[in-house]
PDB file of N, CA and C in Angstrom:
ATOM      1  N   MET A   1       0.843  -1.184   0.000  1.00  0.00           N
ATOM      2  CA  MET A   1       0.000   0.000   0.000  1.00  0.00           C
ATOM      3  C   MET A   1       0.882   1.239   0.000  1.00  0.00           C
ATOM      4  N   SER A   2       0.430   2.274  -0.630  1.00  0.00           N
ATOM      5  CA  SER A   2       1.158   3.536  -0.692  1.00  0.00           C
ATOM      6  C   SER A   2       1.208   4.192   0.687  1.00  0.00           C
ATOM      7  N   SER A   3       1.951   5.270   0.768  1.00  0.00           N
ATOM      8  CA  SER A   3       2.038   6.031   2.013  1.00  0.00           C
ATOM      9  C   SER A   3       2.090   7.520   1.694  1.00  0.00           C
ATOM     10  N   VAL A   4       2.131   8.333   2.731  1.00  0.00           N
ATOM     11  CA  VAL A   4       2.222   9.782   2.553  1.00  0.00           C
ATOM     12  C   VAL A   4       3.448  10.131   1.716  1.00  0.00           C
ATOM     13  N   GLU A   5       4.495   9.324   1.804  1.00  0.00           N
ATOM     14  CA  GLU A   5       5.709   9.584   1.029  1.00  0.00           C
ATOM     15  C   GLU A   5       5.453   9.488  -0.479  1.00  0.00           C
ATOM     16  N   ASP A   6       4.438   8.734  -0.879  1.00  0.00           N
ATOM     17  CA  ASP A   6       4.045   8.638  -2.293  1.00  0.00           C
ATOM     18  C   ASP A   6       3.045   9.759  -2.567  1.00  0.00           C
ATOM     19  N   VAL A   7       3.561  10.964  -2.722  1.00  0.00           N
ATOM     20  CA  VAL A   7       2.723  12.163  -2.724  1.00  0.00           C
ATOM     21  C   VAL A   7       1.770  12.252  -3.908  1.00  0.00           C
ATOM     22  N   ASP A   8       2.044  11.534  -4.981  1.00  0.00           N
ATOM     23  CA  ASP A   8       1.212  11.634  -6.177  1.00  0.00           C
ATOM     24  C   ASP A   8       0.174  10.524  -6.287  1.00  0.00           C
ATOM     25  N   LYS A   9       0.009   9.745  -5.246  1.00  0.00           N
ATOM     26  CA  LYS A   9      -0.909   8.603  -5.297  1.00  0.00           C
ATOM     27  C   LYS A   9      -1.996   8.717  -4.237  1.00  0.00           C
ATOM     28  N   ILE A  10      -3.185   8.221  -4.594  1.00  0.00           N
ATOM     29  CA  ILE A  10      -4.256   8.037  -3.617  1.00  0.00           C
ATOM     30  C   ILE A  10      -4.013   6.663  -3.004  1.00  0.00           C
ATOM     31  N   ASP A  11      -3.856   6.598  -1.687  1.00  0.00           N
ATOM     32  CA  ASP A  11      -3.496   5.334  -1.049  1.00  0.00           C
ATOM     33  C   ASP A  11      -4.620   4.309  -1.134  1.00  0.00           C
ATOM     34  N   LEU A  12      -5.840   4.717  -0.783  1.00  0.00           N
ATOM     35  CA  LEU A  12      -6.956   3.780  -0.755  1.00  0.00           C
ATOM     36  C   LEU A  12      -8.264   4.558  -0.773  1.00  0.00           C
ATOM     37  N   ILE A  13      -9.235   4.040  -1.510  1.00  0.00           N
ATOM     38  CA  ILE A  13     -10.580   4.626  -1.538  1.00  0.00           C
ATOM     39  C   ILE A  13     -11.564   3.524  -1.184  1.00  0.00           C
ATOM     40  N   SER A  14     -12.516   3.845  -0.324  1.00  0.00           N
ATOM     41  CA  SER A  14     -13.604   2.909  -0.056  1.00  0.00           C
ATOM     42  C   SER A  14     -14.916   3.673  -0.106  1.00  0.00           C
ATOM     43  N   TYR A  15     -15.983   2.939  -0.344  1.00  0.00           N
ATOM     44  CA  TYR A  15     -17.303   3.559  -0.454  1.00  0.00           C
ATOM     45  C   TYR A  15     -18.273   2.823   0.460  1.00  0.00           C
ATOM     46  N   ASP A  16     -18.874   3.564   1.359  1.00  0.00           N
ATOM     47  CA  ASP A  16     -19.912   3.038   2.244  1.00  0.00           C
ATOM     48  C   ASP A  16     -21.247   3.351   1.583  1.00  0.00           C
ATOM     49  N   GLU A  17     -21.744   2.407   0.819  1.00  0.00           N
ATOM     50  CA  GLU A  17     -22.960   2.632   0.038  1.00  0.00           C
ATOM     51  C   GLU A  17     -24.172   2.893   0.929  1.00  0.00           C
ATOM     52  N   GLU A  18     -24.239   2.190   2.054  1.00  0.00           N
ATOM     53  CA  GLU A  18     -25.385   2.339   2.952  1.00  0.00           C
ATOM     54  C   GLU A  18     -25.527   3.768   3.469  1.00  0.00           C
ATOM     55  N   ASN A  19     -24.389   4.403   3.774  1.00  0.00           N
ATOM     56  CA  ASN A  19     -24.401   5.765   4.309  1.00  0.00           C
ATOM     57  C   ASN A  19     -24.006   6.811   3.271  1.00  0.00           C
ATOM     58  N   ASN A  20     -23.708   6.380   2.044  1.00  0.00           N
ATOM     59  CA  ASN A  20     -23.305   7.255   0.950  1.00  0.00           C
ATOM     60  C   ASN A  20     -22.098   8.119   1.345  1.00  0.00           C
ATOM     61  N   VAL A  21     -21.035   7.433   1.784  1.00  0.00           N
ATOM     62  CA  VAL A  21     -19.810   8.106   2.229  1.00  0.00           C
ATOM     63  C   VAL A  21     -18.620   7.533   1.466  1.00  0.00           C
ATOM     64  N   VAL A  22     -17.847   8.428   0.850  1.00  0.00           N
ATOM     65  CA  VAL A  22     -16.588   8.054   0.209  1.00  0.00           C
ATOM     66  C   VAL A  22     -15.481   8.339   1.212  1.00  0.00           C
ATOM     67  N   LYS A  23     -14.633   7.334   1.443  1.00  0.00           N
ATOM     68  CA  LYS A  23     -13.522   7.484   2.373  1.00  0.00           C
ATOM     69  C   LYS A  23     -12.215   7.318   1.611  1.00  0.00           C
ATOM     70  N   LEU A  24     -11.382   8.347   1.696  1.00  0.00           N
ATOM     71  CA  LEU A  24     -10.061   8.312   1.081  1.00  0.00           C
ATOM     72  C   LEU A  24      -9.045   8.207   2.213  1.00  0.00           C
ATOM     73  N   PHE A  25      -8.172   7.221   2.119  1.00  0.00           N
ATOM     74  CA  PHE A  25      -7.225   6.952   3.191  1.00  0.00           C
ATOM     75  C   PHE A  25      -5.805   7.316   2.792  1.00  0.00           C
ATOM     76  N   MET A  26      -5.055   7.813   3.792  1.00  0.00           N
ATOM     77  CA  MET A  26      -3.616   8.049   3.684  1.00  0.00           C
ATOM     78  C   MET A  26      -2.962   7.232   4.787  1.00  0.00           C
ATOM     79  N   ASN A  27      -1.767   6.770   4.528  1.00  0.00           N
ATOM     80  CA  ASN A  27      -1.039   5.975   5.513  1.00  0.00           C
ATOM     81  C   ASN A  27       0.290   6.630   5.835  1.00  0.00           C
ATOM     82  N   GLU A  28       0.551   6.817   7.125  1.00  0.00           N
ATOM     83  CA  GLU A  28       1.820   7.398   7.575  1.00  0.00           C
ATOM     84  C   GLU A  28       2.468   6.436   8.552  1.00  0.00           C
ATOM     85  N   GLY A  29       3.616   5.878   8.154  1.00  0.00           N
ATOM     86  CA  GLY A  29       4.298   4.901   8.989  1.00  0.00           C
ATOM     87  C   GLY A  29       5.455   5.454   9.796  1.00  0.00           C
ATOM     88  N   ARG A  30       5.691   6.748   9.718  1.00  0.00           N
ATOM     89  CA  ARG A  30       6.788   7.361  10.469  1.00  0.00           C
ATOM     90  C   ARG A  30       6.269   7.975  11.763  1.00  0.00           C
ATOM     91  N   ASP A  31       7.165   8.143  12.730  1.00  0.00           N
ATOM     92  CA  ASP A  31       6.820   8.832  13.971  1.00  0.00           C
ATOM     93  C   ASP A  31       6.655  10.316  13.696  1.00  0.00           C
ATOM     94  N   TRP A  32       5.661  10.924  14.334  1.00  0.00           N
ATOM     95  CA  TRP A  32       5.457  12.365  14.193  1.00  0.00           C
ATOM     96  C   TRP A  32       6.665  13.097  14.747  1.00  0.00           C
ATOM     97  N   ASP A  33       6.889  14.269  14.201  1.00  0.00           N
ATOM     98  CA  ASP A  33       7.996  15.140  14.617  1.00  0.00           C
ATOM     99  C   ASP A  33       9.361  14.515  14.350  1.00  0.00           C
ATOM    100  N   SER A  34       9.410  13.480  13.487  1.00  0.00           N
ATOM    101  CA  SER A  34      10.696  12.861  13.183  1.00  0.00           C
ATOM    102  C   SER A  34      11.531  13.736  12.247  1.00  0.00           C
ATOM    103  N   ASP A  35      10.856  14.408  11.302  1.00  0.00           N
ATOM    104  CA  ASP A  35      11.562  15.367  10.449  1.00  0.00           C
ATOM    105  C   ASP A  35      10.546  16.254   9.739  1.00  0.00           C
ATOM    106  N   ASN A  36      11.015  17.421   9.317  1.00  0.00           N
ATOM    107  CA  ASN A  36      10.118  18.381   8.676  1.00  0.00           C
ATOM    108  C   ASN A  36       9.685  17.951   7.282  1.00  0.00           C
ATOM    109  N   GLU A  37      10.457  17.082   6.633  1.00  0.00           N
ATOM    110  CA  GLU A  37      10.090  16.613   5.304  1.00  0.00           C
ATOM    111  C   GLU A  37       8.737  15.898   5.342  1.00  0.00           C
ATOM    112  N   MET A  38       8.455  15.258   6.443  1.00  0.00           N
ATOM    113  CA  MET A  38       7.182  14.553   6.614  1.00  0.00           C
ATOM    114  C   MET A  38       6.000  15.512   6.451  1.00  0.00           C
ATOM    115  N   TYR A  39       6.109  16.700   7.006  1.00  0.00           N
ATOM    116  CA  TYR A  39       5.029  17.679   6.921  1.00  0.00           C
ATOM    117  C   TYR A  39       4.873  18.223   5.501  1.00  0.00           C
ATOM    118  N   LEU A  40       5.997  18.409   4.828  1.00  0.00           N
ATOM    119  CA  LEU A  40       5.930  18.855   3.436  1.00  0.00           C
ATOM    120  C   LEU A  40       5.275  17.786   2.565  1.00  0.00           C
ATOM    121  N   GLN A  41       5.601  16.526   2.812  1.00  0.00           N
ATOM    122  CA  GLN A  41       4.990  15.440   2.054  1.00  0.00           C
ATOM    123  C   GLN A  41       3.500  15.322   2.365  1.00  0.00           C
ATOM    124  N   LEU A  42       3.125  15.537   3.608  1.00  0.00           N
ATOM    125  CA  LEU A  42       1.700  15.513   3.967  1.00  0.00           C
ATOM    126  C   LEU A  42       0.963  16.620   3.216  1.00  0.00           C
ATOM    127  N   GLN A  43       1.564  17.792   3.134  1.00  0.00           N
ATOM    128  CA  GLN A  43       0.960  18.901   2.397  1.00  0.00           C
ATOM    129  C   GLN A  43       0.799  18.551   0.919  1.00  0.00           C
ATOM    130  N   GLU A  44       1.823  17.965   0.316  1.00  0.00           N
ATOM    131  CA  GLU A  44       1.741  17.569  -1.088  1.00  0.00           C
ATOM    132  C   GLU A  44       0.696  16.478  -1.292  1.00  0.00           C
ATOM    133  N   LYS A  45       0.625  15.551  -0.364  1.00  0.00           N
ATOM    134  CA  LYS A  45      -0.339  14.451  -0.457  1.00  0.00           C
ATOM    135  C   LYS A  45      -1.758  15.003  -0.385  1.00  0.00           C
ATOM    136  N   LEU A  46      -1.997  15.929   0.538  1.00  0.00           N
ATOM    137  CA  LEU A  46      -3.323  16.550   0.646  1.00  0.00           C
ATOM    138  C   LEU A  46      -3.676  17.298  -0.631  1.00  0.00           C
ATOM    139  N   SER A  47      -2.709  17.936  -1.226  1.00  0.00           N
ATOM    140  CA  SER A  47      -2.938  18.633  -2.484  1.00  0.00           C
ATOM    141  C   SER A  47      -3.360  17.638  -3.568  1.00  0.00           C
ATOM    142  N   THR A  48      -2.724  16.486  -3.605  1.00  0.00           N
ATOM    143  CA  THR A  48      -3.099  15.437  -4.562  1.00  0.00           C
ATOM    144  C   THR A  48      -4.541  14.993  -4.325  1.00  0.00           C
ATOM    145  N   TYR A  49      -4.905  14.804  -3.066  1.00  0.00           N
ATOM    146  CA  TYR A  49      -6.266  14.373  -2.739  1.00  0.00           C
ATOM    147  C   TYR A  49      -7.284  15.439  -3.130  1.00  0.00           C
ATOM    148  N   LEU A  50      -6.977  16.696  -2.834  1.00  0.00           N
ATOM    149  CA  LEU A  50      -7.910  17.772  -3.177  1.00  0.00           C
ATOM    150  C   LEU A  50      -8.058  17.920  -4.687  1.00  0.00           C
ATOM    151  N   THR A  51      -6.977  17.758  -5.421  1.00  0.00           N
ATOM    152  CA  THR A  51      -7.059  17.804  -6.882  1.00  0.00           C
ATOM    153  C   THR A  51      -7.940  16.671  -7.385  1.00  0.00           C
ATOM    154  N   PHE A  52      -7.783  15.498  -6.821  1.00  0.00           N
ATOM    155  CA  PHE A  52      -8.592  14.348  -7.200  1.00  0.00           C
ATOM    156  C   PHE A  52     -10.077  14.603  -6.919  1.00  0.00           C
ATOM    157  N   ILE A  53     -10.371  15.191  -5.760  1.00  0.00           N
ATOM    158  CA  ILE A  53     -11.759  15.436  -5.355  1.00  0.00           C
ATOM    159  C   ILE A  53     -12.341  16.634  -6.107  1.00  0.00           C
ATOM    160  N   GLU A  54     -11.672  17.780  -5.993  1.00  0.00           N
ATOM    161  CA  GLU A  54     -12.230  19.022  -6.533  1.00  0.00           C
ATOM    162  C   GLU A  54     -12.029  19.180  -8.030  1.00  0.00           C
ATOM    163  N   GLY A  55     -11.032  18.512  -8.575  1.00  0.00           N
ATOM    164  CA  GLY A  55     -10.746  18.630  -9.999  1.00  0.00           C
ATOM    165  C   GLY A  55     -11.641  17.780 -10.878  1.00  0.00           C
ATOM    166  N   GLY A  56     -12.550  17.026 -10.262  1.00  0.00           N
ATOM    167  CA  GLY A  56     -13.505  16.231 -11.023  1.00  0.00           C
ATOM    168  C   GLY A  56     -13.036  14.838 -11.383  1.00  0.00           C
ATOM    169  N   MET A  57     -11.800  14.484 -11.024  1.00  0.00           N
ATOM    170  CA  MET A  57     -11.310  13.155 -11.371  1.00  0.00           C
ATOM    171  C   MET A  57     -12.063  12.059 -10.618  1.00  0.00           C
ATOM    172  N   MET A  58     -12.394  12.306  -9.357  1.00  0.00           N
ATOM    173  CA  MET A  58     -13.109  11.301  -8.585  1.00  0.00           C
ATOM    174  C   MET A  58     -14.477  11.029  -9.211  1.00  0.00           C
ATOM    175  N   GLU A  59     -15.210  12.092  -9.538  1.00  0.00           N
ATOM    176  CA  GLU A  59     -16.536  11.923 -10.132  1.00  0.00           C
ATOM    177  C   GLU A  59     -16.450  11.302 -11.520  1.00  0.00           C
ATOM    178  N   SER A  60     -15.403  11.603 -12.241  1.00  0.00           N
ATOM    179  CA  SER A  60     -15.220  11.024 -13.565  1.00  0.00           C
ATOM    180  C   SER A  60     -14.949   9.522 -13.474  1.00  0.00           C
ATOM    181  N   GLU A  61     -14.061   9.137 -12.553  1.00  0.00           N
ATOM    182  CA  GLU A  61     -13.715   7.727 -12.400  1.00  0.00           C
ATOM    183  C   GLU A  61     -14.782   6.936 -11.655  1.00  0.00           C
ATOM    184  N   PHE A  62     -15.483   7.609 -10.740  1.00  0.00           N
ATOM    185  CA  PHE A  62     -16.477   6.938  -9.901  1.00  0.00           C
ATOM    186  C   PHE A  62     -17.765   7.755  -9.875  1.00  0.00           C
ATOM    187  N   PRO A  63     -18.540   7.755 -10.950  1.00  0.00           N
ATOM    188  CA  PRO A  63     -19.751   8.579 -10.991  1.00  0.00           C
ATOM    189  C   PRO A  63     -20.765   8.230  -9.900  1.00  0.00           C
ATOM    190  N   GLU A  64     -20.689   7.030  -9.383  1.00  0.00           N
ATOM    191  CA  GLU A  64     -21.597   6.640  -8.310  1.00  0.00           C
ATOM    192  C   GLU A  64     -21.324   7.398  -7.013  1.00  0.00           C
ATOM    193  N   TYR A  65     -20.178   8.084  -6.915  1.00  0.00           N
ATOM    194  CA  TYR A  65     -19.830   8.856  -5.725  1.00  0.00           C
ATOM    195  C   TYR A  65     -20.398  10.275  -5.746  1.00  0.00           C
ATOM    196  N   ILE A  66     -20.983  10.693  -6.855  1.00  0.00           N
ATOM    197  CA  ILE A  66     -21.517  12.047  -6.953  1.00  0.00           C
ATOM    198  C   ILE A  66     -22.571  12.254  -5.870  1.00  0.00           C
ATOM    199  N   GLY A  67     -22.415  13.319  -5.107  1.00  0.00           N
ATOM    200  CA  GLY A  67     -23.347  13.648  -4.033  1.00  0.00           C
ATOM    201  C   GLY A  67     -23.051  12.980  -2.704  1.00  0.00           C
ATOM    202  N   ALA A  68     -22.040  12.127  -2.665  1.00  0.00           N
ATOM    203  CA  ALA A  68     -21.696  11.438  -1.424  1.00  0.00           C
ATOM    204  C   ALA A  68     -20.928  12.361  -0.483  1.00  0.00           C
ATOM    205  N   THR A  69     -21.032  12.087   0.800  1.00  0.00           N
ATOM    206  CA  THR A  69     -20.196  12.746   1.796  1.00  0.00           C
ATOM    207  C   THR A  69     -18.769  12.245   1.596  1.00  0.00           C
ATOM    208  N   ILE A  70     -17.814  13.150   1.718  1.00  0.00           N
ATOM    209  CA  ILE A  70     -16.413  12.778   1.513  1.00  0.00           C
ATOM    210  C   ILE A  70     -15.652  12.907   2.826  1.00  0.00           C
ATOM    211  N   GLU A  71     -14.870  11.874   3.107  1.00  0.00           N
ATOM    212  CA  GLU A  71     -14.018  11.863   4.289  1.00  0.00           C
ATOM    213  C   GLU A  71     -12.596  11.516   3.867  1.00  0.00           C
ATOM    214  N   VAL A  72     -11.635  12.188   4.498  1.00  0.00           N
ATOM    215  CA  VAL A  72     -10.224  11.844   4.333  1.00  0.00           C
ATOM    216  C   VAL A  72      -9.752  11.327   5.686  1.00  0.00           C
ATOM    217  N   HIS A  73      -9.157  10.134   5.657  1.00  0.00           N
ATOM    218  CA  HIS A  73      -8.665   9.496   6.875  1.00  0.00           C
ATOM    219  C   HIS A  73      -7.157   9.338   6.783  1.00  0.00           C
ATOM    220  N   LEU A  74      -6.469   9.714   7.848  1.00  0.00           N
ATOM    221  CA  LEU A  74      -5.025   9.531   7.937  1.00  0.00           C
ATOM    222  C   LEU A  74      -4.759   8.467   8.991  1.00  0.00           C
ATOM    223  N   ASP A  75      -4.251   7.328   8.562  1.00  0.00           N
ATOM    224  CA  ASP A  75      -3.862   6.268   9.487  1.00  0.00           C
ATOM    225  C   ASP A  75      -2.386   6.441   9.791  1.00  0.00           C
ATOM    226  N   CYS A  76      -2.044   6.508  11.084  1.00  0.00           N
ATOM    227  CA  CYS A  76      -0.655   6.716  11.475  1.00  0.00           C
ATOM    228  C   CYS A  76      -0.282   5.757  12.606  1.00  0.00           C
ATOM    229  N   VAL A  77       1.003   5.518  12.759  1.00  0.00           N
ATOM    230  CA  VAL A  77       1.484   4.560  13.752  1.00  0.00           C
ATOM    231  C   VAL A  77       1.885   5.229  15.065  1.00  0.00           C
ATOM    232  N   ASP A  78       1.890   6.534  15.082  1.00  0.00           N
ATOM    233  CA  ASP A  78       2.349   7.278  16.255  1.00  0.00           C
ATOM    234  C   ASP A  78       1.293   8.316  16.616  1.00  0.00           C
ATOM    235  N   GLU A  79       1.053   8.494  17.890  1.00  0.00           N
ATOM    236  CA  GLU A  79       0.088   9.494  18.351  1.00  0.00           C
ATOM    237  C   GLU A  79       0.631  10.895  18.047  1.00  0.00           C
ATOM    238  N   PRO A  80      -0.142  11.706  17.315  1.00  0.00           N
ATOM    239  CA  PRO A  80       0.312  13.080  17.033  1.00  0.00           C
ATOM    240  C   PRO A  80       0.469  13.875  18.331  1.00  0.00           C
ATOM    241  N   LYS A  81       1.452  14.735  18.344  1.00  0.00           N
ATOM    242  CA  LYS A  81       1.693  15.575  19.519  1.00  0.00           C
ATOM    243  C   LYS A  81       2.270  16.914  19.073  1.00  0.00           C
ATOM    244  N   ASN A  82       2.163  17.889  19.928  1.00  0.00           N
ATOM    245  CA  ASN A  82       2.751  19.208  19.710  1.00  0.00           C
ATOM    246  C   ASN A  82       2.483  19.762  18.318  1.00  0.00           C
ATOM    247  N   GLN A  83       3.548  19.933  17.532  1.00  0.00           N
ATOM    248  CA  GLN A  83       3.443  20.542  16.208  1.00  0.00           C
ATOM    249  C   GLN A  83       2.495  19.741  15.312  1.00  0.00           C
ATOM    250  N   SER A  84       2.571  18.430  15.380  1.00  0.00           N
ATOM    251  CA  SER A  84       1.735  17.608  14.506  1.00  0.00           C
ATOM    252  C   SER A  84       0.251  17.762  14.829  1.00  0.00           C
ATOM    253  N   LEU A  85      -0.111  17.878  16.095  1.00  0.00           N
ATOM    254  CA  LEU A  85      -1.515  18.103  16.460  1.00  0.00           C
ATOM    255  C   LEU A  85      -2.023  19.420  15.890  1.00  0.00           C
ATOM    256  N   SER A  86      -1.200  20.439  15.971  1.00  0.00           N
ATOM    257  CA  SER A  86      -1.566  21.746  15.435  1.00  0.00           C
ATOM    258  C   SER A  86      -1.770  21.671  13.923  1.00  0.00           C
ATOM    259  N   ILE A  87      -0.874  20.986  13.238  1.00  0.00           N
ATOM    260  CA  ILE A  87      -0.984  20.843  11.780  1.00  0.00           C
ATOM    261  C   ILE A  87      -2.228  20.063  11.404  1.00  0.00           C
ATOM    262  N   LEU A  88      -2.493  18.957  12.093  1.00  0.00           N
ATOM    263  CA  LEU A  88      -3.675  18.152  11.778  1.00  0.00           C
ATOM    264  C   LEU A  88      -4.969  18.911  12.058  1.00  0.00           C
ATOM    265  N   ASP A  89      -4.964  19.771  13.072  1.00  0.00           N
ATOM    266  CA  ASP A  89      -6.146  20.588  13.340  1.00  0.00           C
ATOM    267  C   ASP A  89      -6.364  21.589  12.209  1.00  0.00           C
ATOM    268  N   ARG A  90      -5.289  22.175  11.695  1.00  0.00           N
ATOM    269  CA  ARG A  90      -5.421  23.091  10.553  1.00  0.00           C
ATOM    270  C   ARG A  90      -5.917  22.349   9.309  1.00  0.00           C
ATOM    271  N   VAL A  91      -5.430  21.131   9.098  1.00  0.00           N
ATOM    272  CA  VAL A  91      -5.897  20.308   7.977  1.00  0.00           C
ATOM    273  C   VAL A  91      -7.393  20.059   8.115  1.00  0.00           C
ATOM    274  N   ARG A  92      -7.810  19.679   9.317  1.00  0.00           N
ATOM    275  CA  ARG A  92      -9.231  19.412   9.555  1.00  0.00           C
ATOM    276  C   ARG A  92     -10.082  20.633   9.235  1.00  0.00           C
ATOM    277  N   LYS A  93      -9.655  21.806   9.694  1.00  0.00           N
ATOM    278  CA  LYS A  93     -10.410  23.040   9.442  1.00  0.00           C
ATOM    279  C   LYS A  93     -10.437  23.396   7.962  1.00  0.00           C
ATOM    280  N   LEU A  94      -9.301  23.257   7.289  1.00  0.00           N
ATOM    281  CA  LEU A  94      -9.231  23.550   5.859  1.00  0.00           C
ATOM    282  C   LEU A  94     -10.183  22.645   5.073  1.00  0.00           C
ATOM    283  N   LEU A  95     -10.135  21.362   5.360  1.00  0.00           N
ATOM    284  CA  LEU A  95     -10.995  20.431   4.628  1.00  0.00           C
ATOM    285  C   LEU A  95     -12.465  20.644   4.966  1.00  0.00           C
ATOM    286  N   LEU A  96     -12.744  20.965   6.206  1.00  0.00           N
ATOM    287  CA  LEU A  96     -14.135  21.209   6.604  1.00  0.00           C
ATOM    288  C   LEU A  96     -14.720  22.392   5.833  1.00  0.00           C
ATOM    289  N   GLU A  97     -13.905  23.406   5.557  1.00  0.00           N
ATOM    290  CA  GLU A  97     -14.354  24.538   4.740  1.00  0.00           C
ATOM    291  C   GLU A  97     -14.760  24.093   3.339  1.00  0.00           C
ATOM    292  N   LYS A  98     -14.231  22.953   2.911  1.00  0.00           N
ATOM    293  CA  LYS A  98     -14.526  22.409   1.587  1.00  0.00           C
ATOM    294  C   LYS A  98     -15.553  21.273   1.674  1.00  0.00           C
ATOM    295  N   ASN A  99     -16.225  21.176   2.828  1.00  0.00           N
ATOM    296  CA  ASN A  99     -17.221  20.126   3.088  1.00  0.00           C
ATOM    297  C   ASN A  99     -16.632  18.723   3.002  1.00  0.00           C
ATOM    298  N   ILE A 100     -15.396  18.602   3.446  1.00  0.00           N
ATOM    299  CA  ILE A 100     -14.724  17.305   3.510  1.00  0.00           C
ATOM    300  C   ILE A 100     -14.349  17.063   4.972  1.00  0.00           C
ATOM    301  N   ASN A 101     -14.769  15.936   5.501  1.00  0.00           N
ATOM    302  CA  ASN A 101     -14.443  15.588   6.884  1.00  0.00           C
ATOM    303  C   ASN A 101     -13.051  14.971   6.938  1.00  0.00           C
ATOM    304  N   PHE A 102     -12.325  15.247   8.034  1.00  0.00           N
ATOM    305  CA  PHE A 102     -10.974  14.723   8.204  1.00  0.00           C
ATOM    306  C   PHE A 102     -10.869  14.036   9.558  1.00  0.00           C
ATOM    307  N   PHE A 103     -10.266  12.853   9.546  1.00  0.00           N
ATOM    308  CA  PHE A 103     -10.056  12.086  10.763  1.00  0.00           C
ATOM    309  C   PHE A 103      -8.642  11.505  10.722  1.00  0.00           C
ATOM    310  N   TYR A 104      -8.028  11.354  11.881  1.00  0.00           N
ATOM    311  CA  TYR A 104      -6.793  10.590  11.956  1.00  0.00           C
ATOM    312  C   TYR A 104      -6.993   9.464  12.951  1.00  0.00           C
ATOM    313  N   HIS A 105      -6.309   8.370  12.694  1.00  0.00           N
ATOM    314  CA  HIS A 105      -6.423   7.183  13.530  1.00  0.00           C
ATOM    315  C   HIS A 105      -5.027   6.654  13.796  1.00  0.00           C
ATOM    316  N   VAL A 106      -4.753   6.325  15.063  1.00  0.00           N
ATOM    317  CA  VAL A 106      -3.499   5.675  15.407  1.00  0.00           C
ATOM    318  C   VAL A 106      -3.757   4.178  15.327  1.00  0.00           C
ATOM    319  N   ILE A 107      -2.960   3.516  14.494  1.00  0.00           N
ATOM    320  CA  ILE A 107      -3.129   2.078  14.317  1.00  0.00           C
ATOM    321  C   ILE A 107      -1.932   1.345  14.883  1.00  0.00           C
ATOM    322  N   ASN A 108      -2.160   0.180  15.385  1.00  0.00           N
ATOM    323  CA  ASN A 108      -1.076  -0.644  15.919  1.00  0.00           C
ATOM    324  C   ASN A 108      -0.620  -1.609  14.843  1.00  0.00           C
ATOM    325  N   ILE A 109       0.673  -1.644  14.638  1.00  0.00           N
ATOM    326  CA  ILE A 109       1.223  -2.555  13.631  1.00  0.00           C
ATOM    327  C   ILE A 109       1.840  -3.744  14.328  1.00  0.00           C
TER     328      ILE A 109
END
């Protein structure tokens, strides 16, 4: 599976038909605050996702998703803290302005 480091790829898309929700997933396997390049890659990855959503590519490839609620999920192996929490909160607010919900999940590997 791709990761945040693969900035030009959508890692995973799923569709909850019952609730009409499209979920786009990103995967981050590095510890937060490990290096600043991680944040730049997250920014580029989000840009790729927004281009996919807002640029019409998602609706073109998946017309059944038209009108669905959109969620972006970031799966990470480390609990965000300090700078990373602040960045993720800004991401959440930015996406919410675009009617896109944002969630992060700490997963155990």
